[in-house]
């Protein structure tokens, strides 16, 4: 039985479950299968392709499966190191939450370019290599407003660009944070309290009161 889901092939055979590896976009083998008679060999061409990849180290395993009853599969580790061109520079920085300052896991692109980098979840750090030129960076994260900013890249040089993302939620602010007034018995007065939504999403609010006057507060709780 072959079941395909999310690019993975699940094969069930005689009570055994095999999950085939997801293809690695920068790695290719030719041919991918064959049949060999006794005491013979087959040369396999392994192609490494750095197209649209950022500089850095890339690792994978090539899995060779067979009908060998004692060693049915062999895993071959491979590494590809991608070096920047002489015309490339980089932008780096950190992405954080605007209110808490906590790191944010986000995706960053330069509009019109094929590269996407993901920030490190624990630090919010990113580094993006680009050819020398002027670009618009776009940063997106789940639950946050998308931000863009221009950046100029110089060959063989780096520039720092941090992002402080705004969570797409309402933000309640109330002023003043306390009130006091003095009245003669029988008088009444009014004061103004301001409720503000300092966030990008709509805010709903509702006012209620709770008497904290000593004695009266006790009676209120007792009445409940």
Protein backbone atom coordinates (compact mmCIF):
# COMPACT_ATOMS: atom_id res chain seq x y z
CA UNK A 1 0.00 0.00 0.00
CA UNK A 2 1.41 3.42 -0.94
CA UNK A 3 0.02 6.48 0.84
CA UNK A 4 1.27 9.90 -0.20
CA UNK A 5 0.99 12.87 2.17
CA UNK A 6 2.97 16.13 2.35
CA UNK A 7 5.65 14.89 0.00
CA UNK A 8 6.32 11.69 1.93
CA UNK A 9 5.62 8.17 0.75
CA UNK A 10 4.47 5.66 3.33
CA UNK A 11 4.87 2.02 2.29
CA UNK A 12 3.32 -0.82 4.24
CA UNK A 13 4.63 -4.28 3.40
CA UNK A 14 4.05 -7.48 5.43
CA UNK A 15 3.46 -5.61 8.66
CA UNK A 16 6.49 -3.32 8.27
CA UNK A 17 6.19 0.46 7.91
CA UNK A 18 8.70 2.41 5.81
CA UNK A 19 8.72 6.20 5.49
CA UNK A 20 10.61 7.39 2.42
CA UNK A 21 12.81 10.46 2.79
CA UNK A 22 11.56 13.85 1.64
CA UNK A 23 13.57 14.94 -1.45
CA UNK A 24 16.38 17.41 -0.79
CA UNK A 25 16.05 20.32 -3.28
CA UNK A 26 19.80 20.93 -3.62
CA UNK A 27 20.73 17.26 -4.09
CA UNK A 28 20.06 14.92 -7.01
CA UNK A 29 21.12 11.37 -7.97
CA UNK A 30 21.21 9.80 -11.44
CA UNK A 31 20.09 7.08 -11.85
CA UNK A 32 17.94 6.68 -8.73
CA UNK A 33 17.39 2.92 -9.15
CA UNK A 34 18.71 -0.06 -11.03
CA UNK A 35 19.38 -3.79 -11.09
CA UNK A 36 22.89 -5.24 -10.84
CA UNK A 37 23.96 -8.77 -11.76
CA UNK A 38 26.41 -10.62 -9.55
CA UNK A 39 29.81 -8.96 -8.95
CA UNK A 40 29.00 -5.75 -10.83
CA UNK A 41 28.85 -2.06 -10.05
CA UNK A 42 26.92 1.04 -11.08
CA UNK A 43 28.31 4.59 -11.02
CA UNK A 44 25.83 7.10 -9.59
CA UNK A 45 26.16 10.79 -10.48
CA UNK A 46 25.53 13.01 -7.45
CA UNK A 47 24.62 16.60 -8.33
CA UNK A 48 24.96 19.43 -5.82
CA UNK A 49 23.08 22.61 -6.79
CA UNK A 50 23.50 25.91 -4.89
CA UNK A 51 21.00 27.85 -7.03
CA UNK A 52 18.90 30.25 -4.90
CA UNK A 53 20.62 29.13 -1.69
CA UNK A 54 22.18 31.34 0.95
CA UNK A 55 25.87 30.91 1.82
CA UNK A 56 26.35 28.33 4.57
CA UNK A 57 26.63 24.60 5.23
CA UNK A 58 23.93 22.20 4.06
CA UNK A 59 23.74 18.58 5.19
CA UNK A 60 21.68 15.58 4.15
CA UNK A 61 21.78 11.79 3.89
CA UNK A 62 21.56 9.76 0.71
CA UNK A 63 19.63 6.58 1.51
CA UNK A 64 20.42 3.50 -0.57
CA UNK A 65 17.79 0.79 -0.20
CA UNK A 66 18.07 -2.71 -1.63
CA UNK A 67 16.96 -6.31 -1.36
CA UNK A 68 20.11 -7.29 0.56
CA UNK A 69 18.67 -9.39 3.41
CA UNK A 70 21.49 -8.54 5.88
CA UNK A 71 22.08 -4.87 5.01
CA UNK A 72 18.93 -3.70 3.26
CA UNK A 73 19.89 0.00 3.43
CA UNK A 74 22.94 2.25 3.70
CA UNK A 75 22.89 5.93 4.73
CA UNK A 76 25.57 8.16 3.17
CA UNK A 77 26.02 11.58 4.85
CA UNK A 78 26.77 14.47 2.50
CA UNK A 79 27.69 18.11 3.12
CA UNK A 80 27.60 21.06 0.75
CA UNK A 81 29.29 24.36 1.65
CA UNK A 82 28.02 27.39 -0.25
CA UNK A 83 30.37 30.37 -0.46
CA UNK A 84 29.21 33.95 -1.24
CA UNK A 85 30.25 35.57 -4.51
CA UNK A 86 32.64 38.52 -4.48
CA UNK A 87 29.69 40.82 -5.23
CA UNK A 88 27.65 39.78 -2.20
CA UNK A 89 27.24 41.53 1.15
CA UNK A 90 24.90 40.85 4.03
CA UNK A 91 22.33 42.32 6.37
CA UNK A 92 21.91 40.90 9.86
CA UNK A 93 20.09 41.72 13.05
CA UNK A 94 17.49 40.55 15.55
CA UNK A 95 13.69 40.40 15.45
CA UNK A 96 11.92 41.05 18.76
CA UNK A 97 8.45 41.74 20.17
CA UNK A 98 7.84 45.49 20.49
CA UNK A 99 6.24 45.21 23.95
CA UNK A 100 8.16 42.44 25.70
CA UNK A 101 11.46 42.54 23.83
CA UNK A 102 11.34 38.74 23.51
CA UNK A 103 12.81 37.14 20.37
CA UNK A 104 10.36 36.35 17.57
CA UNK A 105 10.60 33.53 15.04
CA UNK A 106 9.99 35.26 11.73
CA UNK A 107 10.63 34.96 7.98
CA UNK A 108 12.64 37.61 6.19
CA UNK A 109 12.91 38.23 2.44
CA UNK A 110 14.21 40.89 0.10
CA UNK A 111 11.35 41.69 -2.25
CA UNK A 112 12.03 40.36 -5.74
CA UNK A 113 14.78 38.00 -4.56
CA UNK A 114 14.51 34.20 -4.22
CA UNK A 115 15.94 33.94 -0.70
CA UNK A 116 14.02 33.38 2.51
CA UNK A 117 15.72 33.21 5.91
CA UNK A 118 14.14 32.24 9.23
CA UNK A 119 15.24 33.85 12.47
CA UNK A 120 16.68 31.71 15.24
CA UNK A 121 13.76 31.06 17.63
CA UNK A 122 15.79 31.49 20.82
CA UNK A 123 17.51 34.75 19.85
CA UNK A 124 15.60 36.26 16.90
CA UNK A 125 18.89 36.54 14.98
CA UNK A 126 19.00 36.45 11.19
CA UNK A 127 21.56 36.94 8.42
CA UNK A 128 20.69 37.45 4.77
CA UNK A 129 23.24 37.57 1.93
CA UNK A 130 22.42 39.62 -1.18
CA UNK A 131 24.18 40.96 -4.24
CA UNK A 132 25.30 44.57 -3.89
CA UNK A 133 22.37 46.93 -4.45
CA UNK A 134 19.30 48.51 -2.88
CA UNK A 135 16.47 46.33 -1.59
CA UNK A 136 13.27 46.37 0.41
CA UNK A 137 13.32 43.91 3.30
CA UNK A 138 10.03 42.36 4.43
CA UNK A 139 9.64 40.60 7.76
CA UNK A 140 6.60 38.47 8.63
CA UNK A 141 5.67 36.47 11.71
CA UNK A 142 2.47 34.73 12.75
CA UNK A 143 0.23 37.05 14.76
CA UNK A 144 2.31 40.17 14.00
CA UNK A 145 2.01 43.07 11.59
CA UNK A 146 4.25 42.77 8.55
CA UNK A 147 7.09 45.29 8.37
CA UNK A 148 9.20 46.54 5.47
CA UNK A 149 12.32 48.69 5.38
CA UNK A 150 14.86 49.72 2.73
CA UNK A 151 18.45 48.48 2.93
CA UNK A 152 21.59 49.12 0.88
CA UNK A 153 24.02 46.21 0.44
CA UNK A 154 27.72 46.80 -0.26
CA UNK A 155 29.87 43.96 -1.61
CA UNK A 156 31.87 42.13 1.07
CA UNK A 157 30.37 44.32 3.82
CA UNK A 158 27.61 43.88 6.36
CA UNK A 159 24.88 46.15 7.72
CA UNK A 160 22.78 45.76 10.87
CA UNK A 161 18.99 46.06 10.71
CA UNK A 162 16.91 45.10 13.76
CA UNK A 163 13.12 44.71 13.72
CA UNK A 164 10.65 45.34 16.52
CA UNK A 165 7.40 43.67 15.52
CA UNK A 166 3.99 44.81 16.71
CA UNK A 167 1.61 42.08 17.81
CA UNK A 168 -1.68 42.36 15.92
CA UNK A 169 -3.86 42.67 19.03
CA UNK A 170 -5.67 45.49 20.86
CA UNK A 171 -3.67 47.27 23.58
CA UNK A 172 -5.66 48.71 26.51
CA UNK A 173 -4.50 51.95 28.14
CA UNK A 174 -6.47 53.81 30.81
CA UNK A 175 -5.72 57.28 32.17
CA UNK A 176 -5.54 58.41 34.82
CA UNK A 177 -4.53 55.33 36.81
CA UNK A 178 -6.28 56.66 39.93
CA UNK A 179 -8.84 59.27 40.96
CA UNK A 180 -9.68 61.12 44.18
CA UNK A 181 -12.25 63.80 45.03
CA UNK A 182 -13.69 65.41 48.16
CA UNK A 183 -17.42 66.20 48.38
CA UNK A 184 -19.77 67.57 50.96
CA UNK A 185 -22.67 65.30 51.83
CA UNK A 186 -25.32 65.59 49.15
CA UNK A 187 -22.98 66.83 46.42
CA UNK A 188 -22.05 65.08 43.15
CA UNK A 189 -19.19 65.63 40.72
CA UNK A 190 -17.86 64.29 37.44
CA UNK A 191 -14.36 63.47 36.34
CA UNK A 192 -13.02 62.15 33.01
CA UNK A 193 -11.34 58.81 32.52
CA UNK A 194 -9.95 58.01 29.08
CA UNK A 195 -9.86 54.50 27.59
CA UNK A 196 -7.41 54.19 24.72
CA UNK A 197 -6.68 51.41 22.25
CA UNK A 198 -2.97 51.70 21.45
CA UNK A 199 -2.93 48.50 19.37
CA UNK A 200 -3.62 47.76 15.70
CA UNK A 201 -6.67 45.53 16.31
CA UNK A 202 -10.13 46.64 17.49
CA UNK A 203 -10.71 46.83 21.26
CA UNK A 204 -13.96 46.10 23.08
CA UNK A 205 -14.33 47.14 26.71
CA UNK A 206 -16.88 47.15 29.52
CA UNK A 207 -16.85 49.08 32.80
CA UNK A 208 -17.97 47.79 36.18
CA UNK A 209 -17.41 48.87 39.77
CA UNK A 210 -16.38 47.18 42.99
CA UNK A 211 -16.61 49.01 46.30
CA UNK A 212 -13.40 48.66 48.33
CA UNK A 213 -14.50 50.93 51.20
CA UNK A 214 -13.71 49.17 54.52
CA UNK A 215 -16.93 47.75 55.91
CA UNK A 216 -18.91 48.41 52.75
CA UNK A 217 -16.71 45.99 50.86
CA UNK A 218 -17.44 43.37 53.54
CA UNK A 219 -21.18 43.99 53.23
CA UNK A 220 -20.95 43.64 49.45
CA UNK A 221 -19.28 40.25 49.73
CA UNK A 222 -21.77 39.15 52.40
CA UNK A 223 -24.70 40.14 50.20
CA UNK A 224 -23.44 37.79 47.52
